[in-house]
């Protein structure tokens, strides 16, 4: 969803990885069709994910970037959020880069962070709320991001495609407890990336 990126950029503020300083209107990026070229050194990190079963969900083109079907039930979404916000060093805050109701995973203020893993400030991921809940936007090292896409667990965000926010992906919403295991592994990799200065 990352609506906040558009609002922040159009207000003339800098978003991590974005050098927009004018109030000129932003144009919609083209729908992701190819993998982006790495703009930072490739970090070797594989997740050993299984292929995601079933069809790829429907997702909006451009921004906002929203998963439209195969979303999480209220119960799965609650389980995902409870687990994610119980992780050491992670603080829940309202997202600065998504629609109201999105819950940001942020690095605790007393911990060092990897600025190249942030969406904005200390936010490196967020969980989207219902009615299209359970999907996430987060950043990963290049190798891990490509594995998530290749195994069908997510797709590159348009801002990754245009190079403004490298390795930003949408992780598709977990549909059940089996999906939840893979999504947790992806989040753990994002946490490790965000907290390794």
C-alpha atoms as a PDB file:
ATOM      1  CA  UNK A   1       0.000   0.000   0.000  1.00  0.00           C
ATOM      2  CA  UNK A   2       2.710   2.538   0.874  1.00  0.00           C
ATOM      3  CA  UNK A   3       0.327   5.466   0.430  1.00  0.00           C
ATOM      4  CA  UNK A   4       2.488   7.409   2.882  1.00  0.00           C
ATOM      5  CA  UNK A   5       5.410   7.318   0.453  1.00  0.00           C
ATOM      6  CA  UNK A   6       3.306   9.241  -2.037  1.00  0.00           C
ATOM      7  CA  UNK A   7       2.034  11.694   0.578  1.00  0.00           C
ATOM      8  CA  UNK A   8       5.468  12.239   2.088  1.00  0.00           C
ATOM      9  CA  UNK A   9       7.195  12.618  -1.276  1.00  0.00           C
ATOM     10  CA  UNK A  10       4.551  14.978  -2.616  1.00  0.00           C
ATOM     11  CA  UNK A  11       4.914  17.111   0.510  1.00  0.00           C
ATOM     12  CA  UNK A  12       8.586  17.558  -0.356  1.00  0.00           C
ATOM     13  CA  UNK A  13      10.023  15.330   2.379  1.00  0.00           C
ATOM     14  CA  UNK A  14      12.736  12.769   1.840  1.00  0.00           C
ATOM     15  CA  UNK A  15      11.852   9.096   2.069  1.00  0.00           C
ATOM     16  CA  UNK A  16      14.683   6.622   2.625  1.00  0.00           C
ATOM     17  CA  UNK A  17      16.221   6.076  -0.782  1.00  0.00           C
ATOM     18  CA  UNK A  18      14.234   8.944  -2.363  1.00  0.00           C
ATOM     19  CA  UNK A  19      15.689  12.344  -3.140  1.00  0.00           C
ATOM     20  CA  UNK A  20      12.411  14.055  -4.052  1.00  0.00           C
ATOM     21  CA  UNK A  21      12.522  17.664  -2.917  1.00  0.00           C
ATOM     22  CA  UNK A  22       9.823  19.301  -5.009  1.00  0.00           C
ATOM     23  CA  UNK A  23       6.083  19.464  -4.723  1.00  0.00           C
ATOM     24  CA  UNK A  24       5.670  18.238  -8.289  1.00  0.00           C
ATOM     25  CA  UNK A  25       3.012  15.525  -8.666  1.00  0.00           C
ATOM     26  CA  UNK A  26       4.329  11.986  -8.737  1.00  0.00           C
ATOM     27  CA  UNK A  27       3.522   9.686 -11.603  1.00  0.00           C
ATOM     28  CA  UNK A  28       2.397   6.118 -11.145  1.00  0.00           C
ATOM     29  CA  UNK A  29       5.231   3.657 -11.778  1.00  0.00           C
ATOM     30  CA  UNK A  30       4.644   0.961 -14.335  1.00  0.00           C
ATOM     31  CA  UNK A  31       3.377  -2.358 -13.022  1.00  0.00           C
ATOM     32  CA  UNK A  32       6.206  -4.674 -11.950  1.00  0.00           C
ATOM     33  CA  UNK A  33       7.069  -6.957 -14.854  1.00  0.00           C
ATOM     34  CA  UNK A  34      10.741  -7.733 -14.381  1.00  0.00           C
ATOM     35  CA  UNK A  35      13.069  -8.048 -11.455  1.00  0.00           C
ATOM     36  CA  UNK A  36      14.893  -4.851 -10.579  1.00  0.00           C
ATOM     37  CA  UNK A  37      18.629  -4.601 -10.989  1.00  0.00           C
ATOM     38  CA  UNK A  38      20.482  -4.590  -7.661  1.00  0.00           C
ATOM     39  CA  UNK A  39      21.559  -1.110  -6.602  1.00  0.00           C
ATOM     40  CA  UNK A  40      23.502  -2.305  -3.582  1.00  0.00           C
ATOM     41  CA  UNK A  41      25.913  -5.173  -3.027  1.00  0.00           C
ATOM     42  CA  UNK A  42      24.176  -8.533  -3.075  1.00  0.00           C
ATOM     43  CA  UNK A  43      23.929 -10.030   0.402  1.00  0.00           C
ATOM     44  CA  UNK A  44      23.983 -13.804   0.356  1.00  0.00           C
ATOM     45  CA  UNK A  45      21.065 -14.968   2.437  1.00  0.00           C
ATOM     46  CA  UNK A  46      18.679 -17.680   1.421  1.00  0.00           C
ATOM     47  CA  UNK A  47      15.521 -18.608   3.242  1.00  0.00           C
ATOM     48  CA  UNK A  48      14.988 -22.152   1.924  1.00  0.00           C
ATOM     49  CA  UNK A  49      11.299 -21.436   1.374  1.00  0.00           C
ATOM     50  CA  UNK A  50       8.982 -24.015  -0.169  1.00  0.00           C
ATOM     51  CA  UNK A  51       7.024 -22.918  -3.239  1.00  0.00           C
ATOM     52  CA  UNK A  52       3.800 -21.129  -2.263  1.00  0.00           C
ATOM     53  CA  UNK A  53       0.863 -23.395  -3.111  1.00  0.00           C
ATOM     54  CA  UNK A  54      -1.977 -22.194  -5.301  1.00  0.00           C
ATOM     55  CA  UNK A  55      -2.441 -19.280  -7.644  1.00  0.00           C
ATOM     56  CA  UNK A  56      -0.815 -15.893  -7.249  1.00  0.00           C
ATOM     57  CA  UNK A  57      -3.212 -13.411  -5.618  1.00  0.00           C
ATOM     58  CA  UNK A  58      -4.568 -10.385  -7.448  1.00  0.00           C
ATOM     59  CA  UNK A  59      -2.693  -7.181  -6.615  1.00  0.00           C
ATOM     60  CA  UNK A  60      -3.255  -3.609  -7.737  1.00  0.00           C
ATOM     61  CA  UNK A  61      -0.910  -2.184 -10.353  1.00  0.00           C
ATOM     62  CA  UNK A  62       1.121   0.825  -9.315  1.00  0.00           C
ATOM     63  CA  UNK A  63       0.586   2.664  -6.052  1.00  0.00           C
ATOM     64  CA  UNK A  64      -1.208   2.036  -3.773  1.00  0.00           C
ATOM     65  CA  UNK A  65       0.074  -1.539  -3.869  1.00  0.00           C
ATOM     66  CA  UNK A  66      -2.726  -3.658  -2.360  1.00  0.00           C
ATOM     67  CA  UNK A  67      -3.421  -7.394  -2.316  1.00  0.00           C
ATOM     68  CA  UNK A  68      -7.047  -7.836  -3.410  1.00  0.00           C
ATOM     69  CA  UNK A  69      -7.817 -11.500  -2.715  1.00  0.00           C
ATOM     70  CA  UNK A  70      -6.465 -14.525  -0.812  1.00  0.00           C
ATOM     71  CA  UNK A  71      -6.068 -12.295   2.247  1.00  0.00           C
ATOM     72  CA  UNK A  72      -5.785 -13.387   5.885  1.00  0.00           C
ATOM     73  CA  UNK A  73      -8.744 -14.191   8.103  1.00  0.00           C
ATOM     74  CA  UNK A  74      -9.068 -12.078  11.239  1.00  0.00           C
ATOM     75  CA  UNK A  75      -7.675 -14.996  13.247  1.00  0.00           C
ATOM     76  CA  UNK A  76      -4.591 -15.513  11.062  1.00  0.00           C
ATOM     77  CA  UNK A  77      -3.955 -11.767  10.941  1.00  0.00           C
ATOM     78  CA  UNK A  78      -4.173 -11.554  14.751  1.00  0.00           C
ATOM     79  CA  UNK A  79      -1.767 -14.485  15.132  1.00  0.00           C
ATOM     80  CA  UNK A  80       0.696 -12.949  12.665  1.00  0.00           C
ATOM     81  CA  UNK A  81       0.650  -9.551  14.395  1.00  0.00           C
ATOM     82  CA  UNK A  82       0.909 -11.000  17.922  1.00  0.00           C
ATOM     83  CA  UNK A  83       3.954 -13.032  16.890  1.00  0.00           C
ATOM     84  CA  UNK A  84       5.636 -10.211  14.927  1.00  0.00           C
ATOM     85  CA  UNK A  85       5.302  -7.654  17.704  1.00  0.00           C
ATOM     86  CA  UNK A  86       6.619 -10.098  20.301  1.00  0.00           C
ATOM     87  CA  UNK A  87      10.013 -10.320  18.566  1.00  0.00           C
ATOM     88  CA  UNK A  88      12.981  -8.956  20.516  1.00  0.00           C
ATOM     89  CA  UNK A  89      13.903  -5.412  19.575  1.00  0.00           C
ATOM     90  CA  UNK A  90      10.720  -4.768  17.574  1.00  0.00           C
ATOM     91  CA  UNK A  91       8.349  -1.965  18.523  1.00  0.00           C
ATOM     92  CA  UNK A  92       4.854  -1.567  17.076  1.00  0.00           C
ATOM     93  CA  UNK A  93       3.935   1.913  15.869  1.00  0.00           C
ATOM     94  CA  UNK A  94       1.400   3.244  13.366  1.00  0.00           C
ATOM     95  CA  UNK A  95       2.926   3.018   9.906  1.00  0.00           C
ATOM     96  CA  UNK A  96       4.353   6.205   8.442  1.00  0.00           C
ATOM     97  CA  UNK A  97       4.223   4.771   4.910  1.00  0.00           C
ATOM     98  CA  UNK A  98       0.852   3.073   4.576  1.00  0.00           C
ATOM     99  CA  UNK A  99      -2.845   3.686   5.018  1.00  0.00           C
ATOM    100  CA  UNK A 100      -4.323   4.324   8.476  1.00  0.00           C
ATOM    101  CA  UNK A 101      -4.528   1.115  10.469  1.00  0.00           C
ATOM    102  CA  UNK A 102      -1.321  -0.384   9.071  1.00  0.00           C
ATOM    103  CA  UNK A 103       0.954  -1.559  11.872  1.00  0.00           C
ATOM    104  CA  UNK A 104       4.658  -0.798  11.507  1.00  0.00           C
ATOM    105  CA  UNK A 105       7.480  -3.032  12.641  1.00  0.00           C
ATOM    106  CA  UNK A 106      10.161  -0.641  13.856  1.00  0.00           C
ATOM    107  CA  UNK A 107      13.604  -1.182  15.335  1.00  0.00           C
ATOM    108  CA  UNK A 108      13.651  -0.278  19.038  1.00  0.00           C
ATOM    109  CA  UNK A 109      15.268   3.131  19.591  1.00  0.00           C
ATOM    110  CA  UNK A 110      18.071   1.720  21.750  1.00  0.00           C
ATOM    111  CA  UNK A 111      19.238  -0.678  19.027  1.00  0.00           C
ATOM    112  CA  UNK A 112      21.468   0.023  16.035  1.00  0.00           C
ATOM    113  CA  UNK A 113      19.840  -0.279  12.633  1.00  0.00           C
ATOM    114  CA  UNK A 114      20.713  -0.793   9.006  1.00  0.00           C
ATOM    115  CA  UNK A 115      19.563   2.415   7.312  1.00  0.00           C
ATOM    116  CA  UNK A 116      19.547   0.573   3.969  1.00  0.00           C
ATOM    117  CA  UNK A 117      16.791  -1.689   5.268  1.00  0.00           C
ATOM    118  CA  UNK A 118      14.388   1.045   6.398  1.00  0.00           C
ATOM    119  CA  UNK A 119      11.244   2.260   4.658  1.00  0.00           C
ATOM    120  CA  UNK A 120      11.327   5.518   6.631  1.00  0.00           C
ATOM    121  CA  UNK A 121      12.792   6.448  10.029  1.00  0.00           C
ATOM    122  CA  UNK A 122      13.024   3.157  11.999  1.00  0.00           C
ATOM    123  CA  UNK A 123      10.163   1.431  10.116  1.00  0.00           C
ATOM    124  CA  UNK A 124      11.352  -1.511   8.038  1.00  0.00           C
ATOM    125  CA  UNK A 125       8.037  -3.319   7.499  1.00  0.00           C
ATOM    126  CA  UNK A 126       4.320  -2.941   8.025  1.00  0.00           C
ATOM    127  CA  UNK A 127       1.323  -5.255   8.163  1.00  0.00           C
ATOM    128  CA  UNK A 128      -1.757  -4.186   6.206  1.00  0.00           C
ATOM    129  CA  UNK A 129      -5.110  -4.087   8.017  1.00  0.00           C
ATOM    130  CA  UNK A 130      -8.451  -5.562   6.982  1.00  0.00           C
ATOM    131  CA  UNK A 131     -10.334  -5.620   4.655  1.00  0.00           C
ATOM    132  CA  UNK A 132      -7.228  -6.528   2.604  1.00  0.00           C
ATOM    133  CA  UNK A 133      -5.236  -7.604   5.618  1.00  0.00           C
ATOM    134  CA  UNK A 134      -2.239  -9.766   6.253  1.00  0.00           C
ATOM    135  CA  UNK A 135       0.033  -8.753   3.420  1.00  0.00           C
ATOM    136  CA  UNK A 136       3.192  -6.861   4.308  1.00  0.00           C
ATOM    137  CA  UNK A 137       5.658  -4.523   2.712  1.00  0.00           C
ATOM    138  CA  UNK A 138       9.238  -5.009   3.847  1.00  0.00           C
ATOM    139  CA  UNK A 139      12.817  -4.892   2.677  1.00  0.00           C
ATOM    140  CA  UNK A 140      15.222  -7.814   2.414  1.00  0.00           C
ATOM    141  CA  UNK A 141      18.739  -8.435   1.154  1.00  0.00           C
ATOM    142  CA  UNK A 142      18.668  -8.908  -2.635  1.00  0.00           C
ATOM    143  CA  UNK A 143      19.126 -12.695  -2.604  1.00  0.00           C
ATOM    144  CA  UNK A 144      16.343 -13.204  -0.056  1.00  0.00           C
ATOM    145  CA  UNK A 145      14.004 -10.783  -1.863  1.00  0.00           C
ATOM    146  CA  UNK A 146      14.529 -12.633  -5.132  1.00  0.00           C
ATOM    147  CA  UNK A 147      13.860 -15.982  -3.447  1.00  0.00           C
ATOM    148  CA  UNK A 148      10.560 -14.684  -2.024  1.00  0.00           C
ATOM    149  CA  UNK A 149       9.512 -13.604  -5.522  1.00  0.00           C
ATOM    150  CA  UNK A 150      10.797 -16.753  -7.244  1.00  0.00           C
ATOM    151  CA  UNK A 151       9.025 -19.070  -4.773  1.00  0.00           C
ATOM    152  CA  UNK A 152       5.731 -17.167  -5.183  1.00  0.00           C
ATOM    153  CA  UNK A 153       5.523 -15.679  -1.660  1.00  0.00           C
ATOM    154  CA  UNK A 154       5.547 -12.082  -2.847  1.00  0.00           C
ATOM    155  CA  UNK A 155       6.391  -9.581  -5.549  1.00  0.00           C
ATOM    156  CA  UNK A 156       8.517  -6.492  -5.975  1.00  0.00           C
ATOM    157  CA  UNK A 157       6.880  -3.203  -5.064  1.00  0.00           C
ATOM    158  CA  UNK A 158       6.744  -0.650  -7.917  1.00  0.00           C
ATOM    159  CA  UNK A 159       9.293   1.467  -6.010  1.00  0.00           C
ATOM    160  CA  UNK A 160      11.730  -1.468  -6.151  1.00  0.00           C
ATOM    161  CA  UNK A 161      11.113  -1.803  -9.878  1.00  0.00           C
ATOM    162  CA  UNK A 162      11.859   1.876 -10.513  1.00  0.00           C
ATOM    163  CA  UNK A 163      14.887   1.740  -8.193  1.00  0.00           C
ATOM    164  CA  UNK A 164      13.747   4.308  -5.635  1.00  0.00           C
ATOM    165  CA  UNK A 165      13.469   1.763  -2.770  1.00  0.00           C
ATOM    166  CA  UNK A 166      15.635  -1.278  -3.589  1.00  0.00           C
ATOM    167  CA  UNK A 167      14.514  -4.745  -2.526  1.00  0.00           C
ATOM    168  CA  UNK A 168      11.105  -3.585  -1.283  1.00  0.00           C
ATOM    169  CA  UNK A 169       8.622  -6.391  -1.657  1.00  0.00           C
ATOM    170  CA  UNK A 170       5.034  -7.186  -0.873  1.00  0.00           C
ATOM    171  CA  UNK A 171       4.796 -10.452   1.032  1.00  0.00           C
ATOM    172  CA  UNK A 172       1.434 -12.043   0.291  1.00  0.00           C
ATOM    173  CA  UNK A 173      -0.943 -12.513   3.209  1.00  0.00           C
ATOM    174  CA  UNK A 174      -0.775 -15.881   4.959  1.00  0.00           C
ATOM    175  CA  UNK A 175      -3.986 -17.807   4.315  1.00  0.00           C
ATOM    176  CA  UNK A 176      -3.511 -20.477   6.964  1.00  0.00           C
ATOM    177  CA  UNK A 177      -1.046 -21.840   9.525  1.00  0.00           C
ATOM    178  CA  UNK A 178       1.145 -23.432   6.839  1.00  0.00           C
ATOM    179  CA  UNK A 179       1.517 -20.107   5.020  1.00  0.00           C
ATOM    180  CA  UNK A 180       2.157 -18.426   8.355  1.00  0.00           C
ATOM    181  CA  UNK A 181       5.318 -20.483   8.875  1.00  0.00           C
ATOM    182  CA  UNK A 182       6.844 -19.230   5.621  1.00  0.00           C
ATOM    183  CA  UNK A 183       5.750 -15.635   6.208  1.00  0.00           C
ATOM    184  CA  UNK A 184       7.342 -15.735   9.676  1.00  0.00           C
ATOM    185  CA  UNK A 185      10.629 -16.897   8.124  1.00  0.00           C
ATOM    186  CA  UNK A 186      10.497 -13.954   5.705  1.00  0.00           C
ATOM    187  CA  UNK A 187       9.795 -11.495   8.536  1.00  0.00           C
ATOM    188  CA  UNK A 188      12.678 -12.949  10.583  1.00  0.00           C
ATOM    189  CA  UNK A 189      15.006 -12.349   7.630  1.00  0.00           C
ATOM    190  CA  UNK A 190      13.761  -8.761   7.372  1.00  0.00           C
ATOM    191  CA  UNK A 191      14.324  -8.234  11.109  1.00  0.00           C
ATOM    192  CA  UNK A 192      17.892  -9.567  10.777  1.00  0.00           C
ATOM    193  CA  UNK A 193      18.505  -7.250   7.818  1.00  0.00           C
ATOM    194  CA  UNK A 194      17.047  -4.237   9.653  1.00  0.00           C
ATOM    195  CA  UNK A 195      19.058  -4.798  12.823  1.00  0.00           C
ATOM    196  CA  UNK A 196      22.455  -5.544  11.266  1.00  0.00           C
ATOM    197  CA  UNK A 197      24.205  -2.174  10.913  1.00  0.00           C
END
